[in-house]
């Protein structure tokens, strides 16, 4: 099992940012349950946060992504608890995630779990981050979550910055992946872009500050779940989500 890499410490010394390791996996799952899965717009629209069993069904899905070895967490140094996470994955353009998402959807027992996976599957077919950059590999921030009591301290922004730094080191040939298992992870495939599907205003503001390119903007009123638009379910027809990317240099 790999030792965690320390990426940064906040200016006040209270928060440390490290690569996700196996011993922090359980806390990381809980942090996502108390942040992303509770407050993110698609999760709210399909009612995921109201069904604890549906949220628990996503544990194996999250763990499989974490096994890519490129996720980053924030730790409160005083309590030694995980307070933020950027769950990241590597994807080559010849390896579609559609089957990966669909496989989990087939096994899921709860409608809310299936809805989240179906949304990801639909976006996989609708959005193309590779072509604008002539890229063949990306690093994606799939889920970004910060514990509610720590929101407003710049933790999400720092997690995104470190994700960019991590991708840049991979691009330069430094294998900074951290395995959750005994075996080491290969350097390749090497990402040329960092991407994310951003479904909230707060995360869209983070990537705007960090200089991401807006590739596509889709209004929630134009995407449907069980015959109703997400805009209707969220009671806001002006809400939208974006595909945003940044070329690694």
C-alpha atoms as a PDB file:
ATOM      1  CA  UNK A   1       0.000   0.000   0.000  1.00  0.00           C
ATOM      2  CA  UNK A   2       1.359   3.430  -0.956  1.00  0.00           C
ATOM      3  CA  UNK A   3       2.165   6.236   1.468  1.00  0.00           C
ATOM      4  CA  UNK A   4       0.114   9.384   0.991  1.00  0.00           C
ATOM      5  CA  UNK A   5       1.638  12.395  -0.739  1.00  0.00           C
ATOM      6  CA  UNK A   6       1.267  15.797   0.924  1.00  0.00           C
ATOM      7  CA  UNK A   7       0.377  18.409  -1.691  1.00  0.00           C
ATOM      8  CA  UNK A   8      -0.202  21.556   0.339  1.00  0.00           C
ATOM      9  CA  UNK A   9      -1.061  23.072   3.704  1.00  0.00           C
ATOM     10  CA  UNK A  10      -3.381  26.050   4.117  1.00  0.00           C
ATOM     11  CA  UNK A  11      -1.872  29.401   5.078  1.00  0.00           C
ATOM     12  CA  UNK A  12      -3.324  29.161   8.583  1.00  0.00           C
ATOM     13  CA  UNK A  13      -1.867  25.672   8.952  1.00  0.00           C
ATOM     14  CA  UNK A  14      -5.260  24.144   9.756  1.00  0.00           C
ATOM     15  CA  UNK A  15      -5.873  22.146   6.571  1.00  0.00           C
ATOM     16  CA  UNK A  16      -3.602  19.630   4.858  1.00  0.00           C
ATOM     17  CA  UNK A  17      -4.144  18.360   1.323  1.00  0.00           C
ATOM     18  CA  UNK A  18      -2.995  14.825   0.507  1.00  0.00           C
ATOM     19  CA  UNK A  19      -3.527  12.051  -1.993  1.00  0.00           C
ATOM     20  CA  UNK A  20      -6.276   9.613  -1.076  1.00  0.00           C
ATOM     21  CA  UNK A  21      -5.016   6.382   0.474  1.00  0.00           C
ATOM     22  CA  UNK A  22      -6.830   3.200   1.505  1.00  0.00           C
ATOM     23  CA  UNK A  23      -6.840   4.075   5.219  1.00  0.00           C
ATOM     24  CA  UNK A  24      -8.809   7.255   4.429  1.00  0.00           C
ATOM     25  CA  UNK A  25     -11.306   5.619   2.077  1.00  0.00           C
ATOM     26  CA  UNK A  26     -14.110   5.112   4.597  1.00  0.00           C
ATOM     27  CA  UNK A  27     -13.916   8.755   5.752  1.00  0.00           C
ATOM     28  CA  UNK A  28     -13.847   9.919   2.161  1.00  0.00           C
ATOM     29  CA  UNK A  29     -17.018   7.993   1.352  1.00  0.00           C
ATOM     30  CA  UNK A  30     -18.713   9.573   4.363  1.00  0.00           C
ATOM     31  CA  UNK A  31     -17.573  13.061   3.359  1.00  0.00           C
ATOM     32  CA  UNK A  32     -19.099  12.632  -0.104  1.00  0.00           C
ATOM     33  CA  UNK A  33     -22.341  11.421   1.491  1.00  0.00           C
ATOM     34  CA  UNK A  34     -22.494  14.499   3.708  1.00  0.00           C
ATOM     35  CA  UNK A  35     -21.562  16.969   0.977  1.00  0.00           C
ATOM     36  CA  UNK A  36     -21.754  16.117  -2.738  1.00  0.00           C
ATOM     37  CA  UNK A  37     -24.531  13.513  -2.593  1.00  0.00           C
ATOM     38  CA  UNK A  38     -26.559  15.744  -0.281  1.00  0.00           C
ATOM     39  CA  UNK A  39     -26.280  19.137  -1.976  1.00  0.00           C
ATOM     40  CA  UNK A  40     -25.304  18.650  -5.641  1.00  0.00           C
ATOM     41  CA  UNK A  41     -28.133  19.610  -8.029  1.00  0.00           C
ATOM     42  CA  UNK A  42     -28.633  16.288  -9.844  1.00  0.00           C
ATOM     43  CA  UNK A  43     -28.559  14.415  -6.519  1.00  0.00           C
ATOM     44  CA  UNK A  44     -31.145  16.820  -5.110  1.00  0.00           C
ATOM     45  CA  UNK A  45     -33.374  16.562  -8.196  1.00  0.00           C
ATOM     46  CA  UNK A  46     -33.601  12.758  -8.082  1.00  0.00           C
ATOM     47  CA  UNK A  47     -33.970  12.629  -4.305  1.00  0.00           C
ATOM     48  CA  UNK A  48     -30.739  10.750  -3.612  1.00  0.00           C
ATOM     49  CA  UNK A  49     -30.052  12.518  -0.323  1.00  0.00           C
ATOM     50  CA  UNK A  50     -33.417  11.331   1.038  1.00  0.00           C
ATOM     51  CA  UNK A  51     -32.550   7.654   0.604  1.00  0.00           C
ATOM     52  CA  UNK A  52     -29.541   6.518   2.642  1.00  0.00           C
ATOM     53  CA  UNK A  53     -29.604   3.045   1.106  1.00  0.00           C
ATOM     54  CA  UNK A  54     -29.416   4.532  -2.392  1.00  0.00           C
ATOM     55  CA  UNK A  55     -26.412   6.619  -1.367  1.00  0.00           C
ATOM     56  CA  UNK A  56     -24.735   3.537   0.119  1.00  0.00           C
ATOM     57  CA  UNK A  57     -25.202   1.737  -3.210  1.00  0.00           C
ATOM     58  CA  UNK A  58     -22.702   4.168  -4.731  1.00  0.00           C
ATOM     59  CA  UNK A  59     -19.885   3.082  -2.400  1.00  0.00           C
ATOM     60  CA  UNK A  60     -18.399   0.491  -4.765  1.00  0.00           C
ATOM     61  CA  UNK A  61     -18.737   2.918  -7.674  1.00  0.00           C
ATOM     62  CA  UNK A  62     -16.769   5.563  -5.767  1.00  0.00           C
ATOM     63  CA  UNK A  63     -14.145   3.018  -4.691  1.00  0.00           C
ATOM     64  CA  UNK A  64     -13.591   1.859  -8.282  1.00  0.00           C
ATOM     65  CA  UNK A  65     -12.927   5.454  -9.320  1.00  0.00           C
ATOM     66  CA  UNK A  66     -10.657   6.002  -6.315  1.00  0.00           C
ATOM     67  CA  UNK A  67      -8.556   3.035  -7.472  1.00  0.00           C
ATOM     68  CA  UNK A  68      -7.284   5.213 -10.340  1.00  0.00           C
ATOM     69  CA  UNK A  69      -4.959   6.673  -7.718  1.00  0.00           C
ATOM     70  CA  UNK A  70      -5.409  10.349  -8.578  1.00  0.00           C
ATOM     71  CA  UNK A  71      -7.951  11.556  -6.000  1.00  0.00           C
ATOM     72  CA  UNK A  72      -7.133  14.262  -3.450  1.00  0.00           C
ATOM     73  CA  UNK A  73      -8.541  14.894   0.027  1.00  0.00           C
ATOM     74  CA  UNK A  74      -8.442  17.723   2.568  1.00  0.00           C
ATOM     75  CA  UNK A  75      -7.801  16.943   6.242  1.00  0.00           C
ATOM     76  CA  UNK A  76      -8.517  19.088   9.301  1.00  0.00           C
ATOM     77  CA  UNK A  77      -5.175  18.891  11.111  1.00  0.00           C
ATOM     78  CA  UNK A  78      -6.735  19.525  14.514  1.00  0.00           C
ATOM     79  CA  UNK A  79      -9.302  16.708  14.318  1.00  0.00           C
ATOM     80  CA  UNK A  80      -7.418  14.563  11.769  1.00  0.00           C
ATOM     81  CA  UNK A  81     -10.683  14.108   9.844  1.00  0.00           C
ATOM     82  CA  UNK A  82     -11.346  14.193   6.094  1.00  0.00           C
ATOM     83  CA  UNK A  83     -13.261  17.396   5.322  1.00  0.00           C
ATOM     84  CA  UNK A  84     -13.065  17.609   1.534  1.00  0.00           C
ATOM     85  CA  UNK A  85     -12.480  15.434  -1.521  1.00  0.00           C
ATOM     86  CA  UNK A  86     -11.951  15.677  -5.238  1.00  0.00           C
ATOM     87  CA  UNK A  87     -12.731  12.210  -6.573  1.00  0.00           C
ATOM     88  CA  UNK A  88     -10.737  11.986  -9.795  1.00  0.00           C
ATOM     89  CA  UNK A  89     -10.361   9.461 -12.577  1.00  0.00           C
ATOM     90  CA  UNK A  90      -8.193   8.896 -15.643  1.00  0.00           C
ATOM     91  CA  UNK A  91      -9.915   8.137 -18.949  1.00  0.00           C
ATOM     92  CA  UNK A  92      -8.483   7.332 -22.374  1.00  0.00           C
ATOM     93  CA  UNK A  93     -10.650   8.337 -25.328  1.00  0.00           C
ATOM     94  CA  UNK A  94     -10.773   4.719 -26.551  1.00  0.00           C
ATOM     95  CA  UNK A  95     -12.125   3.572 -23.186  1.00  0.00           C
ATOM     96  CA  UNK A  96     -15.713   4.750 -22.855  1.00  0.00           C
ATOM     97  CA  UNK A  97     -17.176   4.964 -19.363  1.00  0.00           C
ATOM     98  CA  UNK A  98     -20.662   4.220 -20.706  1.00  0.00           C
ATOM     99  CA  UNK A  99     -20.385   0.477 -20.003  1.00  0.00           C
ATOM    100  CA  UNK A 100     -18.830   1.185 -16.583  1.00  0.00           C
ATOM    101  CA  UNK A 101     -21.756   3.401 -15.571  1.00  0.00           C
ATOM    102  CA  UNK A 102     -24.354   1.102 -17.155  1.00  0.00           C
ATOM    103  CA  UNK A 103     -22.962  -1.945 -15.355  1.00  0.00           C
ATOM    104  CA  UNK A 104     -23.451  -0.295 -11.983  1.00  0.00           C
ATOM    105  CA  UNK A 105     -26.920   0.917 -13.009  1.00  0.00           C
ATOM    106  CA  UNK A 106     -27.946  -2.667 -13.838  1.00  0.00           C
ATOM    107  CA  UNK A 107     -26.873  -3.849 -10.401  1.00  0.00           C
ATOM    108  CA  UNK A 108     -28.470  -0.978  -8.495  1.00  0.00           C
ATOM    109  CA  UNK A 109     -31.663  -1.616  -6.534  1.00  0.00           C
ATOM    110  CA  UNK A 110     -32.785   1.956  -5.922  1.00  0.00           C
ATOM    111  CA  UNK A 111     -34.255   4.351  -8.480  1.00  0.00           C
ATOM    112  CA  UNK A 112     -32.206   7.262  -7.134  1.00  0.00           C
ATOM    113  CA  UNK A 113     -28.932   5.389  -7.607  1.00  0.00           C
ATOM    114  CA  UNK A 114     -29.911   4.384 -11.135  1.00  0.00           C
ATOM    115  CA  UNK A 115     -30.857   7.982 -11.931  1.00  0.00           C
ATOM    116  CA  UNK A 116     -27.392   9.283 -11.014  1.00  0.00           C
ATOM    117  CA  UNK A 117     -25.680   6.596 -13.092  1.00  0.00           C
ATOM    118  CA  UNK A 118     -28.060   7.146 -16.007  1.00  0.00           C
ATOM    119  CA  UNK A 119     -27.260  10.866 -15.917  1.00  0.00           C
ATOM    120  CA  UNK A 120     -23.525  10.119 -16.076  1.00  0.00           C
ATOM    121  CA  UNK A 121     -24.129   7.667 -18.931  1.00  0.00           C
ATOM    122  CA  UNK A 122     -26.147  10.260 -20.855  1.00  0.00           C
ATOM    123  CA  UNK A 123     -23.447  12.903 -20.385  1.00  0.00           C
ATOM    124  CA  UNK A 124     -20.783  10.449 -21.542  1.00  0.00           C
ATOM    125  CA  UNK A 125     -22.572  10.180 -24.883  1.00  0.00           C
ATOM    126  CA  UNK A 126     -23.449  13.860 -25.142  1.00  0.00           C
ATOM    127  CA  UNK A 127     -20.223  15.603 -24.184  1.00  0.00           C
ATOM    128  CA  UNK A 128     -16.869  15.320 -25.957  1.00  0.00           C
ATOM    129  CA  UNK A 129     -13.905  16.906 -24.147  1.00  0.00           C
ATOM    130  CA  UNK A 130     -11.253  15.215 -26.307  1.00  0.00           C
ATOM    131  CA  UNK A 131     -11.809  16.704 -29.774  1.00  0.00           C
ATOM    132  CA  UNK A 132     -11.355  20.429 -28.946  1.00  0.00           C
ATOM    133  CA  UNK A 133      -7.845  19.695 -27.667  1.00  0.00           C
ATOM    134  CA  UNK A 134      -6.910  16.816 -29.973  1.00  0.00           C
ATOM    135  CA  UNK A 135      -6.341  14.879 -26.743  1.00  0.00           C
ATOM    136  CA  UNK A 136      -6.456  11.134 -26.184  1.00  0.00           C
ATOM    137  CA  UNK A 137      -6.477  11.061 -22.370  1.00  0.00           C
ATOM    138  CA  UNK A 138      -8.031  13.169 -19.615  1.00  0.00           C
ATOM    139  CA  UNK A 139      -8.110  13.481 -15.858  1.00  0.00           C
ATOM    140  CA  UNK A 140     -11.637  14.230 -14.624  1.00  0.00           C
ATOM    141  CA  UNK A 141     -12.825  15.602 -11.310  1.00  0.00           C
ATOM    142  CA  UNK A 142     -15.939  13.440 -11.029  1.00  0.00           C
ATOM    143  CA  UNK A 143     -17.235  14.453  -7.573  1.00  0.00           C
ATOM    144  CA  UNK A 144     -16.104  17.459  -5.523  1.00  0.00           C
ATOM    145  CA  UNK A 145     -17.368  17.700  -1.956  1.00  0.00           C
ATOM    146  CA  UNK A 146     -16.580  19.738   1.165  1.00  0.00           C
ATOM    147  CA  UNK A 147     -18.134  19.165   4.579  1.00  0.00           C
ATOM    148  CA  UNK A 148     -20.829  21.863   5.067  1.00  0.00           C
ATOM    149  CA  UNK A 149     -19.227  23.405   8.163  1.00  0.00           C
ATOM    150  CA  UNK A 150     -15.990  23.978   6.203  1.00  0.00           C
ATOM    151  CA  UNK A 151     -17.538  25.603   3.120  1.00  0.00           C
ATOM    152  CA  UNK A 152     -16.261  29.111   2.371  1.00  0.00           C
ATOM    153  CA  UNK A 153     -12.633  28.457   3.339  1.00  0.00           C
ATOM    154  CA  UNK A 154     -11.350  27.874  -0.204  1.00  0.00           C
ATOM    155  CA  UNK A 155     -11.024  24.126   0.249  1.00  0.00           C
ATOM    156  CA  UNK A 156     -12.848  23.273  -2.987  1.00  0.00           C
ATOM    157  CA  UNK A 157     -10.686  25.697  -4.947  1.00  0.00           C
ATOM    158  CA  UNK A 158      -7.509  24.244  -3.461  1.00  0.00           C
ATOM    159  CA  UNK A 159      -8.620  20.693  -4.251  1.00  0.00           C
ATOM    160  CA  UNK A 160      -9.146  21.744  -7.872  1.00  0.00           C
ATOM    161  CA  UNK A 161      -5.746  23.486  -7.975  1.00  0.00           C
ATOM    162  CA  UNK A 162      -4.020  20.372  -6.655  1.00  0.00           C
ATOM    163  CA  UNK A 163      -5.865  18.234  -9.191  1.00  0.00           C
ATOM    164  CA  UNK A 164      -4.338  20.460 -11.885  1.00  0.00           C
ATOM    165  CA  UNK A 165      -0.894  20.152 -10.268  1.00  0.00           C
ATOM    166  CA  UNK A 166      -1.225  16.375 -10.067  1.00  0.00           C
ATOM    167  CA  UNK A 167      -2.206  16.155 -13.741  1.00  0.00           C
ATOM    168  CA  UNK A 168       0.696  18.415 -14.713  1.00  0.00           C
ATOM    169  CA  UNK A 169       3.209  16.160 -12.963  1.00  0.00           C
ATOM    170  CA  UNK A 170       1.778  13.103 -14.714  1.00  0.00           C
ATOM    171  CA  UNK A 171       2.023  14.968 -18.006  1.00  0.00           C
ATOM    172  CA  UNK A 172       5.709  15.660 -17.282  1.00  0.00           C
ATOM    173  CA  UNK A 173       6.355  11.980 -16.628  1.00  0.00           C
ATOM    174  CA  UNK A 174       6.294  11.922 -12.815  1.00  0.00           C
ATOM    175  CA  UNK A 175       4.205   9.025 -11.527  1.00  0.00           C
ATOM    176  CA  UNK A 176       2.413  10.551  -8.541  1.00  0.00           C
ATOM    177  CA  UNK A 177      -0.463   8.074  -8.565  1.00  0.00           C
ATOM    178  CA  UNK A 178      -1.181   6.514  -5.178  1.00  0.00           C
ATOM    179  CA  UNK A 179      -2.405   2.932  -5.223  1.00  0.00           C
ATOM    180  CA  UNK A 180      -5.120   1.823  -2.810  1.00  0.00           C
ATOM    181  CA  UNK A 181      -3.799  -1.724  -3.064  1.00  0.00           C
ATOM    182  CA  UNK A 182      -0.475  -3.533  -2.750  1.00  0.00           C
ATOM    183  CA  UNK A 183       0.474  -3.231  -6.422  1.00  0.00           C
ATOM    184  CA  UNK A 184       1.761   0.019  -7.922  1.00  0.00           C
ATOM    185  CA  UNK A 185      -0.071   1.896 -10.677  1.00  0.00           C
ATOM    186  CA  UNK A 186       1.448   2.537 -14.118  1.00  0.00           C
ATOM    187  CA  UNK A 187       2.175   6.073 -15.276  1.00  0.00           C
ATOM    188  CA  UNK A 188       0.322   5.629 -18.556  1.00  0.00           C
ATOM    189  CA  UNK A 189      -2.085   6.610 -19.946  1.00  0.00           C
ATOM    190  CA  UNK A 190      -1.001  10.212 -19.416  1.00  0.00           C
ATOM    191  CA  UNK A 191      -3.676  12.955 -19.392  1.00  0.00           C
ATOM    192  CA  UNK A 192      -3.372  16.047 -21.571  1.00  0.00           C
ATOM    193  CA  UNK A 193      -6.446  17.825 -20.183  1.00  0.00           C
ATOM    194  CA  UNK A 194      -8.319  18.171 -16.896  1.00  0.00           C
ATOM    195  CA  UNK A 195     -12.112  18.134 -17.170  1.00  0.00           C
ATOM    196  CA  UNK A 196     -15.234  18.307 -15.028  1.00  0.00           C
ATOM    197  CA  UNK A 197     -18.993  18.401 -15.457  1.00  0.00           C
ATOM    198  CA  UNK A 198     -20.023  21.228 -13.143  1.00  0.00           C
ATOM    199  CA  UNK A 199     -23.617  21.274 -11.944  1.00  0.00           C
ATOM    200  CA  UNK A 200     -23.570  24.064  -9.355  1.00  0.00           C
ATOM    201  CA  UNK A 201     -22.819  27.776  -9.511  1.00  0.00           C
ATOM    202  CA  UNK A 202     -20.126  27.479  -6.820  1.00  0.00           C
ATOM    203  CA  UNK A 203     -18.062  24.915  -8.715  1.00  0.00           C
ATOM    204  CA  UNK A 204     -18.522  26.835 -11.980  1.00  0.00           C
ATOM    205  CA  UNK A 205     -17.064  29.889 -10.243  1.00  0.00           C
ATOM    206  CA  UNK A 206     -14.055  27.866  -9.094  1.00  0.00           C
ATOM    207  CA  UNK A 207     -13.147  26.718 -12.596  1.00  0.00           C
ATOM    208  CA  UNK A 208     -13.754  30.209 -13.978  1.00  0.00           C
ATOM    209  CA  UNK A 209     -11.174  31.602 -11.547  1.00  0.00           C
ATOM    210  CA  UNK A 210      -8.745  28.830 -12.487  1.00  0.00           C
ATOM    211  CA  UNK A 211      -8.986  29.581 -16.220  1.00  0.00           C
ATOM    212  CA  UNK A 212     -10.917  26.541 -17.442  1.00  0.00           C
ATOM    213  CA  UNK A 213     -12.454  26.671 -20.931  1.00  0.00           C
ATOM    214  CA  UNK A 214     -16.231  26.411 -21.220  1.00  0.00           C
ATOM    215  CA  UNK A 215     -16.860  23.637 -23.755  1.00  0.00           C
ATOM    216  CA  UNK A 216     -20.615  23.193 -23.428  1.00  0.00           C
ATOM    217  CA  UNK A 217     -23.470  24.669 -21.402  1.00  0.00           C
ATOM    218  CA  UNK A 218     -26.747  22.766 -20.965  1.00  0.00           C
ATOM    219  CA  UNK A 219     -29.814  23.987 -19.108  1.00  0.00           C
ATOM    220  CA  UNK A 220     -31.378  21.595 -16.619  1.00  0.00           C
ATOM    221  CA  UNK A 221     -34.765  22.319 -18.195  1.00  0.00           C
ATOM    222  CA  UNK A 222     -33.569  20.465 -21.304  1.00  0.00           C
ATOM    223  CA  UNK A 223     -32.628  17.230 -19.489  1.00  0.00           C
ATOM    224  CA  UNK A 224     -35.278  14.885 -18.100  1.00  0.00           C
ATOM    225  CA  UNK A 225     -35.799  12.386 -15.283  1.00  0.00           C
ATOM    226  CA  UNK A 226     -38.985  10.301 -15.144  1.00  0.00           C
ATOM    227  CA  UNK A 227     -40.757  12.582 -17.593  1.00  0.00           C
ATOM    228  CA  UNK A 228     -39.939  15.817 -15.787  1.00  0.00           C
ATOM    229  CA  UNK A 229     -37.128  18.217 -16.565  1.00  0.00           C
ATOM    230  CA  UNK A 230     -34.401  18.677 -13.997  1.00  0.00           C
ATOM    231  CA  UNK A 231     -35.250  22.379 -14.115  1.00  0.00           C
ATOM    232  CA  UNK A 232     -38.775  21.560 -12.976  1.00  0.00           C
ATOM    233  CA  UNK A 233     -37.552  19.210 -10.264  1.00  0.00           C
ATOM    234  CA  UNK A 234     -35.145  21.861  -8.984  1.00  0.00           C
ATOM    235  CA  UNK A 235     -37.793  24.580  -9.377  1.00  0.00           C
ATOM    236  CA  UNK A 236     -35.365  26.797 -11.260  1.00  0.00           C
ATOM    237  CA  UNK A 237     -35.418  26.912 -15.058  1.00  0.00           C
ATOM    238  CA  UNK A 238     -32.330  29.148 -15.200  1.00  0.00           C
ATOM    239  CA  UNK A 239     -29.991  26.559 -13.713  1.00  0.00           C
ATOM    240  CA  UNK A 240     -27.484  24.929 -16.031  1.00  0.00           C
ATOM    241  CA  UNK A 241     -24.487  22.633 -15.961  1.00  0.00           C
ATOM    242  CA  UNK A 242     -21.269  22.896 -17.911  1.00  0.00           C
ATOM    243  CA  UNK A 243     -18.483  20.792 -19.356  1.00  0.00           C
ATOM    244  CA  UNK A 244     -15.250  22.631 -18.650  1.00  0.00           C
ATOM    245  CA  UNK A 245     -11.668  21.741 -19.516  1.00  0.00           C
ATOM    246  CA  UNK A 246      -8.148  23.001 -19.055  1.00  0.00           C
ATOM    247  CA  UNK A 247      -5.167  21.978 -21.149  1.00  0.00           C
ATOM    248  CA  UNK A 248      -2.246  20.658 -19.139  1.00  0.00           C
ATOM    249  CA  UNK A 249       1.038  22.455 -19.619  1.00  0.00           C
END
